[in-house]
PDB file of N, CA and C in Angstrom:
ATOM      1  N   MET A   1      91.240 128.094  98.505  1.00  0.00           N
ATOM      2  CA  MET A   1      89.843 127.575  98.811  1.00  0.00           C
ATOM      3  C   MET A   1      89.963 125.906  98.549  1.00  0.00           C
ATOM      4  N   SER A   2      89.520 124.705  99.474  1.00  0.00           N
ATOM      5  CA  SER A   2      89.479 123.458  99.170  1.00  0.00           C
ATOM      6  C   SER A   2      88.464 122.853  98.133  1.00  0.00           C
ATOM      7  N   LEU A   3      88.724 121.863  97.754  1.00  0.00           N
ATOM      8  CA  LEU A   3      88.134 121.064  96.709  1.00  0.00           C
ATOM      9  C   LEU A   3      86.662 120.640  97.472  1.00  0.00           C
ATOM     10  N   LYS A   4      86.480 120.593  98.511  1.00  0.00           N
ATOM     11  CA  LYS A   4      85.241 120.350  99.278  1.00  0.00           C
ATOM     12  C   LYS A   4      84.397 121.603  99.178  1.00  0.00           C
ATOM     13  N   LYS A   5      84.758 122.879  99.391  1.00  0.00           N
ATOM     14  CA  LYS A   5      84.180 124.056  99.296  1.00  0.00           C
ATOM     15  C   LYS A   5      83.583 124.452  97.891  1.00  0.00           C
ATOM     16  N   TYR A   6      84.703 124.139  96.824  1.00  0.00           N
ATOM     17  CA  TYR A   6      84.284 124.321  95.254  1.00  0.00           C
ATOM     18  C   TYR A   6      82.962 123.624  95.097  1.00  0.00           C
ATOM     19  N   LEU A   7      83.185 122.271  95.507  1.00  0.00           N
ATOM     20  CA  LEU A   7      81.936 121.477  95.271  1.00  0.00           C
ATOM     21  C   LEU A   7      80.542 121.662  95.850  1.00  0.00           C
ATOM     22  N   TYR A   8      80.750 122.390  96.994  1.00  0.00           N
ATOM     23  CA  TYR A   8      79.599 122.956  97.679  1.00  0.00           C
ATOM     24  C   TYR A   8      79.280 124.109  97.073  1.00  0.00           C
ATOM     25  N   LEU A   9      80.059 125.154  96.315  1.00  0.00           N
ATOM     26  CA  LEU A   9      79.773 126.208  95.653  1.00  0.00           C
ATOM     27  C   LEU A   9      79.130 125.694  94.434  1.00  0.00           C
ATOM     28  N   LEU A  10      79.502 124.914  93.883  1.00  0.00           N
ATOM     29  CA  LEU A  10      78.999 124.211  92.417  1.00  0.00           C
ATOM     30  C   LEU A  10      77.473 123.778  92.690  1.00  0.00           C
ATOM     31  N   VAL A  11      77.312 122.841  93.688  1.00  0.00           N
ATOM     32  CA  VAL A  11      76.142 122.815  94.149  1.00  0.00           C
ATOM     33  C   VAL A  11      74.928 123.677  94.134  1.00  0.00           C
ATOM     34  N   LEU A  12      75.500 124.661  94.841  1.00  0.00           N
ATOM     35  CA  LEU A  12      74.511 125.838  95.172  1.00  0.00           C
ATOM     36  C   LEU A  12      74.218 126.560  93.974  1.00  0.00           C
ATOM     37  N   LEU A  13      75.383 126.596  92.949  1.00  0.00           N
ATOM     38  CA  LEU A  13      75.091 127.443  91.727  1.00  0.00           C
ATOM     39  C   LEU A  13      74.162 126.551  91.071  1.00  0.00           C
ATOM     40  N   LEU A  14      74.087 125.037  90.770  1.00  0.00           N
ATOM     41  CA  LEU A  14      73.392 124.574  90.327  1.00  0.00           C
ATOM     42  C   LEU A  14      71.967 124.543  90.608  1.00  0.00           C
ATOM     43  N   ILE A  15      71.671 124.637  92.092  1.00  0.00           N
ATOM     44  CA  ILE A  15      70.571 124.876  92.877  1.00  0.00           C
ATOM     45  C   ILE A  15      69.517 126.301  92.470  1.00  0.00           C
ATOM     46  N   PHE A  16      70.701 127.210  92.766  1.00  0.00           N
ATOM     47  CA  PHE A  16      70.127 128.472  92.537  1.00  0.00           C
ATOM     48  C   PHE A  16      70.023 128.977  90.935  1.00  0.00           C
ATOM     49  N   GLY A  17      70.844 128.319  90.287  1.00  0.00           N
ATOM     50  CA  GLY A  17      71.432 128.928  88.928  1.00  0.00           C
ATOM     51  C   GLY A  17      70.094 128.497  88.211  1.00  0.00           C
ATOM     52  N   GLY A  18      69.463 127.286  88.367  1.00  0.00           N
ATOM     53  CA  GLY A  18      68.678 126.715  87.660  1.00  0.00           C
ATOM     54  C   GLY A  18      67.170 126.918  87.990  1.00  0.00           C
ATOM     55  N   CYS A  19      66.954 127.831  88.894  1.00  0.00           N
ATOM     56  CA  CYS A  19      65.582 127.856  89.298  1.00  0.00           C
ATOM     57  C   CYS A  19      64.625 128.614  88.143  1.00  0.00           C
ATOM     58  N   ALA A  20      64.937 129.146  87.380  1.00  0.00           N
ATOM     59  CA  ALA A  20      63.883 129.467  86.069  1.00  0.00           C
ATOM     60  C   ALA A  20      63.594 128.427  85.484  1.00  0.00           C
ATOM     61  N   THR A  21      62.309 128.425  84.746  1.00  0.00           N
ATOM     62  CA  THR A  21      61.855 127.118  84.422  1.00  0.00           C
ATOM     63  C   THR A  21      62.024 127.171  82.943  1.00  0.00           C
ATOM     64  N   ARG A  22      62.008 128.819  82.304  1.00  0.00           N
ATOM     65  CA  ARG A  22      62.212 129.034  80.764  1.00  0.00           C
ATOM     66  C   ARG A  22      63.653 129.394  80.764  1.00  0.00           C
ATOM     67  N   LYS A  23      64.331 128.761  79.529  1.00  0.00           N
ATOM     68  CA  LYS A  23      65.375 129.397  79.525  1.00  0.00           C
ATOM     69  C   LYS A  23      65.832 129.671  78.148  1.00  0.00           C
ATOM     70  N   THR A  24      66.201 130.803  77.507  1.00  0.00           N
ATOM     71  CA  THR A  24      66.651 130.854  75.909  1.00  0.00           C
ATOM     72  C   THR A  24      67.939 130.149  75.757  1.00  0.00           C
ATOM     73  N   GLU A  25      68.299 129.932  74.537  1.00  0.00           N
ATOM     74  CA  GLU A  25      69.394 128.977  74.236  1.00  0.00           C
ATOM     75  C   GLU A  25      70.544 129.914  74.599  1.00  0.00           C
ATOM     76  N   SER A  26      70.919 131.264  74.586  1.00  0.00           N
ATOM     77  CA  SER A  26      71.882 132.314  74.782  1.00  0.00           C
ATOM     78  C   SER A  26      72.169 131.899  76.471  1.00  0.00           C
ATOM     79  N   SER A  27      71.164 132.104  77.320  1.00  0.00           N
ATOM     80  CA  SER A  27      71.237 131.907  78.836  1.00  0.00           C
ATOM     81  C   SER A  27      71.589 130.410  79.093  1.00  0.00           C
ATOM     82  N   ARG A  28      71.144 129.333  78.513  1.00  0.00           N
ATOM     83  CA  ARG A  28      71.557 128.060  78.697  1.00  0.00           C
ATOM     84  C   ARG A  28      72.880 127.905  78.414  1.00  0.00           C
ATOM     85  N   ASN A  29      73.614 128.647  77.153  1.00  0.00           N
ATOM     86  CA  ASN A  29      75.158 128.057  76.904  1.00  0.00           C
ATOM     87  C   ASN A  29      75.930 128.881  77.909  1.00  0.00           C
ATOM     88  N   ASN A  30      75.343 130.341  78.308  1.00  0.00           N
ATOM     89  CA  ASN A  30      76.015 131.222  79.377  1.00  0.00           C
ATOM     90  C   ASN A  30      76.003 130.043  80.904  1.00  0.00           C
ATOM     91  N   LYS A  31      75.245 129.574  81.063  1.00  0.00           N
ATOM     92  CA  LYS A  31      75.187 128.633  82.214  1.00  0.00           C
ATOM     93  C   LYS A  31      76.327 127.602  82.117  1.00  0.00           C
ATOM     94  N   TYR A  32      76.108 126.798  80.825  1.00  0.00           N
ATOM     95  CA  TYR A  32      77.253 126.093  80.698  1.00  0.00           C
ATOM     96  C   TYR A  32      78.804 126.496  80.428  1.00  0.00           C
ATOM     97  N   VAL A  33      78.819 127.541  80.328  1.00  0.00           N
ATOM     98  CA  VAL A  33      80.264 128.356  80.340  1.00  0.00           C
ATOM     99  C   VAL A  33      80.568 128.738  81.873  1.00  0.00           C
ATOM    100  N   GLN A  34      79.579 129.119  82.877  1.00  0.00           N
ATOM    101  CA  GLN A  34      79.997 129.076  84.121  1.00  0.00           C
ATOM    102  C   GLN A  34      80.341 127.685  84.612  1.00  0.00           C
ATOM    103  N   TYR A  35      79.604 126.503  84.228  1.00  0.00           N
ATOM    104  CA  TYR A  35      80.016 125.451  84.967  1.00  0.00           C
ATOM    105  C   TYR A  35      81.396 125.027  84.772  1.00  0.00           C
ATOM    106  N   GLN A  36      81.769 125.330  83.162  1.00  0.00           N
ATOM    107  CA  GLN A  36      82.914 124.657  82.784  1.00  0.00           C
ATOM    108  C   GLN A  36      83.994 125.672  83.667  1.00  0.00           C
ATOM    109  N   THR A  37      83.641 126.894  83.915  1.00  0.00           N
ATOM    110  CA  THR A  37      84.679 127.930  84.709  1.00  0.00           C
ATOM    111  C   THR A  37      84.867 127.519  85.936  1.00  0.00           C
ATOM    112  N   ILE A  38      83.846 126.928  86.720  1.00  0.00           N
ATOM    113  CA  ILE A  38      84.173 126.416  88.088  1.00  0.00           C
ATOM    114  C   ILE A  38      84.861 125.281  87.848  1.00  0.00           C
ATOM    115  N   ILE A  39      84.506 124.161  87.019  1.00  0.00           N
ATOM    116  CA  ILE A  39      85.522 123.121  87.074  1.00  0.00           C
ATOM    117  C   ILE A  39      86.862 123.330  86.711  1.00  0.00           C
ATOM    118  N   ASP A  40      87.127 124.235  85.542  1.00  0.00           N
ATOM    119  CA  ASP A  40      88.621 124.827  85.563  1.00  0.00           C
ATOM    120  C   ASP A  40      89.257 125.246  86.570  1.00  0.00           C
ATOM    121  N   SER A  41      88.377 126.155  87.663  1.00  0.00           N
ATOM    122  CA  SER A  41      89.214 126.978  88.864  1.00  0.00           C
ATOM    123  C   SER A  41      89.332 125.723  89.794  1.00  0.00           C
ATOM    124  N   ILE A  42      88.391 124.645  89.961  1.00  0.00           N
ATOM    125  CA  ILE A  42      88.642 123.634  91.062  1.00  0.00           C
ATOM    126  C   ILE A  42      89.973 122.797  90.547  1.00  0.00           C
ATOM    127  N   TYR A  43      90.206 122.600  89.212  1.00  0.00           N
ATOM    128  CA  TYR A  43      91.112 121.889  88.485  1.00  0.00           C
ATOM    129  C   TYR A  43      92.551 122.525  88.960  1.00  0.00           C
ATOM    130  N   LEU A  44      92.649 123.924  88.844  1.00  0.00           N
ATOM    131  CA  LEU A  44      93.864 125.011  88.626  1.00  0.00           C
ATOM    132  C   LEU A  44      93.899 125.121  90.258  1.00  0.00           C
ATOM    133  N   SER A  45      93.202 125.169  91.066  1.00  0.00           N
ATOM    134  CA  SER A  45      93.471 125.139  92.383  1.00  0.00           C
ATOM    135  C   SER A  45      93.881 123.662  93.137  1.00  0.00           C
ATOM    136  N   ASN A  46      93.977 122.840  92.185  1.00  0.00           N
ATOM    137  CA  ASN A  46      94.372 121.563  93.092  1.00  0.00           C
ATOM    138  C   ASN A  46      95.259 121.176  92.234  1.00  0.00           C
ATOM    139  N   PRO A  47      96.771 121.425  92.095  1.00  0.00           N
ATOM    140  CA  PRO A  47      97.895 121.049  91.114  1.00  0.00           C
ATOM    141  C   PRO A  47      98.084 119.350  91.158  1.00  0.00           C
ATOM    142  N   LYS A  48      97.543 118.744  92.001  1.00  0.00           N
ATOM    143  CA  LYS A  48      98.208 117.592  92.224  1.00  0.00           C
ATOM    144  C   LYS A  48      96.700 116.460  91.732  1.00  0.00           C
ATOM    145  N   SER A  49      96.071 117.214  91.253  1.00  0.00           N
ATOM    146  CA  SER A  49      94.881 116.401  90.801  1.00  0.00           C
ATOM    147  C   SER A  49      95.112 116.043  89.604  1.00  0.00           C
ATOM    148  N   ILE A  50      94.556 114.600  89.123  1.00  0.00           N
ATOM    149  CA  ILE A  50      94.817 114.168  87.676  1.00  0.00           C
ATOM    150  C   ILE A  50      93.647 114.942  86.864  1.00  0.00           C
ATOM    151  N   GLY A  51      92.580 114.901  87.324  1.00  0.00           N
ATOM    152  CA  GLY A  51      91.269 115.484  86.468  1.00  0.00           C
ATOM    153  C   GLY A  51      90.208 115.559  87.218  1.00  0.00           C
ATOM    154  N   ILE A  52      89.056 116.266  86.696  1.00  0.00           N
ATOM    155  CA  ILE A  52      87.782 116.373  87.325  1.00  0.00           C
ATOM    156  C   ILE A  52      86.906 116.230  86.063  1.00  0.00           C
ATOM    157  N   MET A  53      85.768 115.293  86.459  1.00  0.00           N
ATOM    158  CA  MET A  53      84.601 115.166  85.448  1.00  0.00           C
ATOM    159  C   MET A  53      83.279 115.714  86.180  1.00  0.00           C
ATOM    160  N   VAL A  54      82.473 115.977  85.320  1.00  0.00           N
ATOM    161  CA  VAL A  54      80.947 116.338  86.176  1.00  0.00           C
ATOM    162  C   VAL A  54      80.349 116.331  85.164  1.00  0.00           C
ATOM    163  N   HIS A  55      78.939 115.505  85.495  1.00  0.00           N
ATOM    164  CA  HIS A  55      77.711 115.520  84.524  1.00  0.00           C
ATOM    165  C   HIS A  55      76.431 115.909  85.529  1.00  0.00           C
ATOM    166  N   ILE A  56      75.704 116.832  84.841  1.00  0.00           N
ATOM    167  CA  ILE A  56      74.666 117.393  85.301  1.00  0.00           C
ATOM    168  C   ILE A  56      73.264 116.902  84.400  1.00  0.00           C
ATOM    169  N   GLU A  57      72.382 116.372  85.266  1.00  0.00           N
ATOM    170  CA  GLU A  57      71.266 116.022  84.297  1.00  0.00           C
ATOM    171  C   GLU A  57      69.961 116.234  85.148  1.00  0.00           C
ATOM    172  N   SER A  58      69.078 117.211  84.626  1.00  0.00           N
ATOM    173  CA  SER A  58      67.870 117.788  85.177  1.00  0.00           C
ATOM    174  C   SER A  58      67.032 117.954  84.102  1.00  0.00           C
ATOM    175  N   PRO A  59      66.330 116.853  83.695  1.00  0.00           N
ATOM    176  CA  PRO A  59      65.222 116.990  82.630  1.00  0.00           C
ATOM    177  C   PRO A  59      64.185 118.134  83.022  1.00  0.00           C
ATOM    178  N   LYS A  60      63.824 118.252  84.134  1.00  0.00           N
ATOM    179  CA  LYS A  60      62.678 119.155  84.265  1.00  0.00           C
ATOM    180  C   LYS A  60      63.136 120.732  84.357  1.00  0.00           C
ATOM    181  N   LYS A  61      64.562 121.100  84.154  1.00  0.00           N
ATOM    182  CA  LYS A  61      65.156 122.048  84.101  1.00  0.00           C
ATOM    183  C   LYS A  61      65.555 122.373  82.761  1.00  0.00           C
ATOM    184  N   GLY A  62      65.902 121.245  81.995  1.00  0.00           N
ATOM    185  CA  GLY A  62      66.319 121.342  80.747  1.00  0.00           C
ATOM    186  C   GLY A  62      67.824 121.120  80.380  1.00  0.00           C
ATOM    187  N   ILE A  63      68.194 120.518  81.674  1.00  0.00           N
ATOM    188  CA  ILE A  63      69.884 120.641  81.718  1.00  0.00           C
ATOM    189  C   ILE A  63      70.350 118.949  81.159  1.00  0.00           C
ATOM    190  N   SER A  64      71.308 119.186  80.560  1.00  0.00           N
ATOM    191  CA  SER A  64      71.752 117.988  80.443  1.00  0.00           C
ATOM    192  C   SER A  64      73.338 118.265  79.813  1.00  0.00           C
ATOM    193  N   TRP A  65      74.170 118.262  80.659  1.00  0.00           N
ATOM    194  CA  TRP A  65      75.509 119.077  80.593  1.00  0.00           C
ATOM    195  C   TRP A  65      76.444 117.854  81.053  1.00  0.00           C
ATOM    196  N   SER A  66      77.859 117.651  80.369  1.00  0.00           N
ATOM    197  CA  SER A  66      78.662 117.213  80.745  1.00  0.00           C
ATOM    198  C   SER A  66      80.330 117.899  80.663  1.00  0.00           C
ATOM    199  N   GLY A  67      81.173 118.223  81.573  1.00  0.00           N
ATOM    200  CA  GLY A  67      82.356 118.814  81.267  1.00  0.00           C
ATOM    201  C   GLY A  67      83.525 118.053  82.359  1.00  0.00           C
ATOM    202  N   SER A  68      84.542 118.567  81.797  1.00  0.00           N
ATOM    203  CA  SER A  68      86.000 117.975  82.307  1.00  0.00           C
ATOM    204  C   SER A  68      87.258 118.596  82.235  1.00  0.00           C
ATOM    205  N   GLU A  69      88.194 118.487  83.058  1.00  0.00           N
ATOM    206  CA  GLU A  69      89.359 119.170  82.679  1.00  0.00           C
ATOM    207  C   GLU A  69      90.484 118.349  83.327  1.00  0.00           C
ATOM    208  N   GLY A  70      91.416 118.323  82.692  1.00  0.00           N
ATOM    209  CA  GLY A  70      92.743 117.612  83.418  1.00  0.00           C
ATOM    210  C   GLY A  70      93.291 116.747  82.326  1.00  0.00           C
ATOM    211  N   TYR A  71      94.063 115.384  82.901  1.00  0.00           N
ATOM    212  CA  TYR A  71      94.824 114.485  81.989  1.00  0.00           C
ATOM    213  C   TYR A  71      94.146 113.398  81.868  1.00  0.00           C
ATOM    214  N   SER A  72      93.858 112.507  80.723  1.00  0.00           N
ATOM    215  CA  SER A  72      93.817 110.978  80.823  1.00  0.00           C
ATOM    216  C   SER A  72      95.060 110.410  81.187  1.00  0.00           C
ATOM    217  N   ASP A  73      96.049 110.785  81.057  1.00  0.00           N
ATOM    218  CA  ASP A  73      97.389 110.384  81.351  1.00  0.00           C
ATOM    219  C   ASP A  73      98.245 111.224  81.979  1.00  0.00           C
ATOM    220  N   PHE A  74      98.199 111.411  83.718  1.00  0.00           N
ATOM    221  CA  PHE A  74      98.673 112.425  83.917  1.00  0.00           C
ATOM    222  C   PHE A  74     100.477 111.980  83.958  1.00  0.00           C
ATOM    223  N   ASN A  75     101.056 111.003  84.033  1.00  0.00           N
ATOM    224  CA  ASN A  75     102.627 111.085  83.735  1.00  0.00           C
ATOM    225  C   ASN A  75     102.873 111.461  81.918  1.00  0.00           C
ATOM    226  N   LEU A  76     101.873 111.094  81.467  1.00  0.00           N
ATOM    227  CA  LEU A  76     102.474 111.556  79.917  1.00  0.00           C
ATOM    228  C   LEU A  76     102.080 113.045  79.536  1.00  0.00           C
ATOM    229  N   LYS A  77     101.376 113.622  80.453  1.00  0.00           N
ATOM    230  CA  LYS A  77     100.552 114.658  80.255  1.00  0.00           C
ATOM    231  C   LYS A  77      99.538 114.819  78.897  1.00  0.00           C
ATOM    232  N   ILE A  78      98.864 113.502  78.736  1.00  0.00           N
ATOM    233  CA  ILE A  78      97.915 113.406  77.737  1.00  0.00           C
ATOM    234  C   ILE A  78      96.458 113.977  78.361  1.00  0.00           C
ATOM    235  N   LYS A  79      96.035 115.046  77.473  1.00  0.00           N
ATOM    236  CA  LYS A  79      94.679 115.500  77.887  1.00  0.00           C
ATOM    237  C   LYS A  79      93.553 114.564  77.149  1.00  0.00           C
TER     238      LYS A  79
END
């Protein structure tokens, strides 16, 4: 699947996954794990990528999350 399709799926997940207004801490953490899993799969499916960073901010839905995967220095393979 292309990077464009993965990003589209991430946006859909964020829109439909955040529809409920009240979330428990456990369900919020589960969403954060899902977000990171999507980022990880996008990175793994694009082996020439150096890295990917995502920040989600939605105060009305109580979401403030950042995630990343990849290298800070691709040549030296420093994470």
